[in-house]
Amino acid sequence: MMGKTESFELEGHEFIELNKLLKFLGWVETGGEAKIRIAEGEVMVNGATELRIRCKLHAGDKVNYNEQEVVIS
């Protein structure tokens, strides 16, 4: 079962990198852990497995990891 959907506000920035988002949200404890989770194929962006550690996320993108979901706005 999917947990609640969070929202992440870019606050004037054009994008946020995937690894930084996972750490900012507290979904992982370190940047190193974020890199491992992404490289292992555990993170999805817009319904597809994302393997690019520094994938640029823009408004409207949806990220899923470990039964958690966030929408970038």
N, C-alpha and C. Protein backbone atom coordinates (compact mmCIF):
# COMPACT_ATOMS: atom_id res chain seq x y z
N MET A 1 0.84 -1.19 0.00
CA MET A 1 0.00 0.00 0.00
C MET A 1 0.88 1.25 0.00
N MET A 2 0.53 2.19 -0.81
CA MET A 2 1.29 3.43 -0.94
C MET A 2 0.96 4.35 0.24
N GLY A 3 2.01 4.98 0.79
CA GLY A 3 1.81 5.95 1.86
C GLY A 3 1.23 7.24 1.28
N LYS A 4 1.15 8.27 2.11
CA LYS A 4 0.59 9.52 1.62
C LYS A 4 1.54 10.21 0.64
N THR A 5 0.95 10.96 -0.27
CA THR A 5 1.74 11.70 -1.24
C THR A 5 2.15 13.03 -0.63
N GLU A 6 3.45 13.31 -0.70
CA GLU A 6 3.98 14.58 -0.23
C GLU A 6 4.10 15.52 -1.42
N SER A 7 4.34 16.79 -1.12
CA SER A 7 4.60 17.77 -2.15
C SER A 7 5.92 18.45 -1.81
N PHE A 8 6.73 18.73 -2.84
CA PHE A 8 7.99 19.43 -2.63
C PHE A 8 8.00 20.67 -3.51
N GLU A 9 8.15 21.82 -2.88
CA GLU A 9 8.13 23.11 -3.58
C GLU A 9 9.55 23.50 -3.98
N LEU A 10 9.75 23.76 -5.27
CA LEU A 10 11.07 24.15 -5.76
C LEU A 10 11.51 25.53 -5.27
N GLU A 11 10.56 26.36 -4.87
CA GLU A 11 10.84 27.68 -4.31
C GLU A 11 11.76 28.53 -5.18
N GLY A 12 11.37 28.71 -6.42
CA GLY A 12 12.11 29.59 -7.31
C GLY A 12 13.26 28.94 -8.06
N HIS A 13 13.61 27.71 -7.69
CA HIS A 13 14.67 27.00 -8.40
C HIS A 13 14.06 26.30 -9.61
N GLU A 14 14.86 26.08 -10.63
CA GLU A 14 14.38 25.44 -11.85
C GLU A 14 14.21 23.93 -11.65
N PHE A 15 15.09 23.33 -10.83
CA PHE A 15 15.06 21.88 -10.63
C PHE A 15 15.76 21.51 -9.32
N ILE A 16 15.62 20.24 -8.92
CA ILE A 16 16.41 19.66 -7.83
C ILE A 16 16.90 18.31 -8.32
N GLU A 17 18.12 17.94 -7.95
CA GLU A 17 18.66 16.66 -8.37
C GLU A 17 18.07 15.55 -7.50
N LEU A 18 17.83 14.40 -8.10
CA LEU A 18 17.17 13.28 -7.44
C LEU A 18 17.85 12.88 -6.13
N ASN A 19 19.17 12.74 -6.14
CA ASN A 19 19.87 12.32 -4.92
C ASN A 19 19.68 13.34 -3.79
N LYS A 20 19.67 14.61 -4.14
CA LYS A 20 19.49 15.66 -3.12
C LYS A 20 18.07 15.65 -2.58
N LEU A 21 17.09 15.37 -3.43
CA LEU A 21 15.70 15.31 -2.99
C LEU A 21 15.51 14.20 -1.97
N LEU A 22 16.03 13.01 -2.26
CA LEU A 22 15.87 11.89 -1.34
C LEU A 22 16.44 12.22 0.04
N LYS A 23 17.59 12.87 0.06
CA LYS A 23 18.22 13.24 1.33
C LYS A 23 17.44 14.36 2.02
N PHE A 24 17.01 15.36 1.27
CA PHE A 24 16.26 16.49 1.83
C PHE A 24 14.97 16.01 2.50
N LEU A 25 14.28 15.05 1.86
CA LEU A 25 13.02 14.55 2.39
C LEU A 25 13.22 13.61 3.57
N GLY A 26 14.47 13.20 3.81
CA GLY A 26 14.74 12.27 4.90
C GLY A 26 14.43 10.83 4.54
N TRP A 27 14.25 10.56 3.25
CA TRP A 27 13.97 9.19 2.80
C TRP A 27 15.22 8.32 2.90
N VAL A 28 16.38 8.94 2.85
CA VAL A 28 17.67 8.27 3.07
C VAL A 28 18.45 9.14 4.05
N GLU A 29 19.44 8.53 4.72
CA GLU A 29 20.18 9.29 5.72
C GLU A 29 21.37 10.05 5.17
N THR A 30 21.96 9.54 4.08
CA THR A 30 23.15 10.19 3.53
C THR A 30 23.07 10.27 2.01
N GLY A 31 23.90 11.14 1.45
CA GLY A 31 23.99 11.22 -0.01
C GLY A 31 24.48 9.90 -0.60
N GLY A 32 25.39 9.24 0.12
CA GLY A 32 25.90 7.95 -0.34
C GLY A 32 24.81 6.90 -0.43
N GLU A 33 23.92 6.90 0.58
CA GLU A 33 22.80 5.96 0.55
C GLU A 33 21.86 6.27 -0.62
N ALA A 34 21.64 7.56 -0.88
CA ALA A 34 20.80 7.95 -2.01
C ALA A 34 21.37 7.40 -3.31
N LYS A 35 22.68 7.54 -3.50
CA LYS A 35 23.32 7.04 -4.71
C LYS A 35 23.12 5.53 -4.87
N ILE A 36 23.28 4.80 -3.76
CA ILE A 36 23.11 3.34 -3.80
C ILE A 36 21.67 2.97 -4.15
N ARG A 37 20.71 3.60 -3.50
CA ARG A 37 19.28 3.28 -3.75
C ARG A 37 18.91 3.55 -5.21
N ILE A 38 19.41 4.65 -5.75
CA ILE A 38 19.13 4.99 -7.15
C ILE A 38 19.81 3.98 -8.07
N ALA A 39 21.10 3.71 -7.83
CA ALA A 39 21.86 2.78 -8.67
C ALA A 39 21.28 1.37 -8.64
N GLU A 40 20.67 0.99 -7.52
CA GLU A 40 20.06 -0.35 -7.38
C GLU A 40 18.68 -0.42 -8.02
N GLY A 41 18.21 0.69 -8.59
CA GLY A 41 16.91 0.69 -9.27
C GLY A 41 15.72 0.74 -8.34
N GLU A 42 15.90 1.28 -7.15
CA GLU A 42 14.82 1.33 -6.16
C GLU A 42 13.96 2.59 -6.25
N VAL A 43 14.36 3.54 -7.10
CA VAL A 43 13.66 4.82 -7.19
C VAL A 43 12.99 4.95 -8.56
N MET A 44 11.74 5.40 -8.54
CA MET A 44 11.02 5.61 -9.80
C MET A 44 10.71 7.09 -9.96
N VAL A 45 10.82 7.58 -11.20
CA VAL A 45 10.45 8.95 -11.54
C VAL A 45 9.43 8.87 -12.65
N ASN A 46 8.27 9.44 -12.42
CA ASN A 46 7.18 9.44 -13.40
C ASN A 46 6.86 8.03 -13.90
N GLY A 47 6.88 7.06 -12.97
CA GLY A 47 6.46 5.70 -13.28
C GLY A 47 7.52 4.80 -13.89
N ALA A 48 8.74 5.31 -14.07
CA ALA A 48 9.83 4.51 -14.66
C ALA A 48 11.03 4.48 -13.72
N THR A 49 11.72 3.36 -13.67
CA THR A 49 12.92 3.25 -12.85
C THR A 49 13.95 4.27 -13.33
N GLU A 50 14.49 5.04 -12.39
CA GLU A 50 15.48 6.08 -12.72
C GLU A 50 16.83 5.69 -12.15
N LEU A 51 17.84 5.58 -13.02
CA LEU A 51 19.18 5.18 -12.60
C LEU A 51 20.17 6.33 -12.60
N ARG A 52 19.75 7.51 -13.06
CA ARG A 52 20.65 8.68 -13.07
C ARG A 52 20.61 9.33 -11.68
N ILE A 53 21.73 9.29 -11.00
CA ILE A 53 21.80 9.79 -9.63
C ILE A 53 21.44 11.27 -9.55
N ARG A 54 21.91 12.04 -10.50
CA ARG A 54 21.65 13.48 -10.49
C ARG A 54 20.56 13.90 -11.48
N CYS A 55 19.61 13.01 -11.72
CA CYS A 55 18.48 13.32 -12.60
C CYS A 55 17.85 14.63 -12.13
N LYS A 56 17.64 15.56 -13.06
CA LYS A 56 17.05 16.85 -12.72
C LYS A 56 15.53 16.71 -12.68
N LEU A 57 14.94 17.03 -11.53
CA LEU A 57 13.50 16.96 -11.35
C LEU A 57 12.91 18.35 -11.46
N HIS A 58 11.83 18.45 -12.23
CA HIS A 58 11.17 19.73 -12.45
C HIS A 58 9.74 19.66 -11.94
N ALA A 59 9.07 20.80 -11.91
CA ALA A 59 7.68 20.86 -11.47
C ALA A 59 6.84 19.86 -12.27
N GLY A 60 6.02 19.11 -11.57
CA GLY A 60 5.15 18.12 -12.20
C GLY A 60 5.70 16.70 -12.14
N ASP A 61 7.00 16.56 -11.86
CA ASP A 61 7.58 15.22 -11.75
C ASP A 61 7.11 14.54 -10.48
N LYS A 62 6.98 13.22 -10.54
CA LYS A 62 6.54 12.41 -9.41
C LYS A 62 7.62 11.38 -9.11
N VAL A 63 8.02 11.29 -7.84
CA VAL A 63 9.08 10.38 -7.42
C VAL A 63 8.50 9.38 -6.42
N ASN A 64 8.83 8.10 -6.62
CA ASN A 64 8.40 7.05 -5.71
C ASN A 64 9.61 6.29 -5.19
N TYR A 65 9.61 6.02 -3.89
CA TYR A 65 10.68 5.24 -3.27
C TYR A 65 10.15 4.64 -1.97
N ASN A 66 10.33 3.34 -1.80
CA ASN A 66 10.02 2.69 -0.54
C ASN A 66 8.61 3.01 -0.06
N GLU A 67 7.63 2.86 -0.95
CA GLU A 67 6.21 3.11 -0.65
C GLU A 67 5.90 4.56 -0.28
N GLN A 68 6.78 5.47 -0.69
CA GLN A 68 6.55 6.90 -0.47
C GLN A 68 6.47 7.58 -1.82
N GLU A 69 5.74 8.68 -1.87
CA GLU A 69 5.59 9.41 -3.14
C GLU A 69 5.66 10.91 -2.87
N VAL A 70 6.33 11.61 -3.79
CA VAL A 70 6.38 13.07 -3.70
C VAL A 70 6.15 13.64 -5.10
N VAL A 71 5.42 14.74 -5.15
CA VAL A 71 5.19 15.46 -6.41
C VAL A 71 5.92 16.78 -6.31
N ILE A 72 6.71 17.08 -7.34
CA ILE A 72 7.46 18.34 -7.37
C ILE A 72 6.54 19.44 -7.87
N SER A 73 6.58 20.57 -7.18
CA SER A 73 5.75 21.71 -7.61
C SER A 73 6.54 23.00 -7.57
